Amino acid sequence: MAWICEIVVSGAVEAPPGLRTWISETVSVRLPDTDGLKSVDLYEPTDERGRDPFNHGTDAPLLIALLDFESEDALRRAMSSAPLADVVDSIPQGLAITVTPLERASYAVDDNPDGSGSEAPVSYVVRYHRPADDEDLFRRNYVASHPPTQAKLPGIRSVMCYFPRPDLNPSQWPSLDYLIGNEVVFDTVADFNVAMQSPVRHELRAHYRDFPSFSGANTHFLMRRTRISRRSASE
């Protein structure tokens, strides 16, 4: 299990110049000072078009940053830390930001049998939002059906699910009302598109139709990931 702080930046059709400055002068400089931080991954929309036959035209956020911490306690401390507060409070004017604590579980695929994080840079970032009639049942059904099937997608490099931890949020920043999150990872957008045209994608759609009842939104963003910081527990 990994302990994640997700930062989502949205609020403009295109990334304003101030966002790039904020990333290079604030995110890259201040976040590495956060106690217990292992890595920071930045996700930005891909230039190439994704071809998922069942999901079209969802506007992706300008940026998603995933902060990976060495323990649950480190994530809990970070949610009230000065470095994170500095980053959140300095967001360029006109943009919105959310901060959401999560647990992340990884699942085995053929080329990644231990489920460890892949270095492949293209991620399909999926989030289901509350409510559901029975949220625990929905999550159990999702985990039982989706990761084992996603592992069969051609070209897949990694499969992950994200579980909300609202108890770790001190409520000083807005967070997103996730039911569950998912991420599948590929080497290229072309590989992703091949996977989306495979019979496995239709099998996943059949699972979707059988999900327990839910009425929240679900979003699918094709993103390119860049690692900007890496810290070991001993640093």
Foldseek 3Di string as FASTA:
>chain_A
DWKKKKKFKAQDQADDPVQVVLCVPQVLPLVVVQAQWFFKKKWAFDPDDACQPPDDDDRGTGIMIITTGPDPVSLLVRLVDPSVVRSQVPPDPRMAMAIFIKDKDWDAAPQRRVRDDDPAWKKWKKFWADDAPDLVQLVVLCVVQPPVLLSPQPQWDIKMKIDGDCVSHPPPGHHGRTSMIIMIGGNDSVSSNSSSPDVSVVSVVVSVVVGHGGDTDMDIGIITMDISDGDDNVD
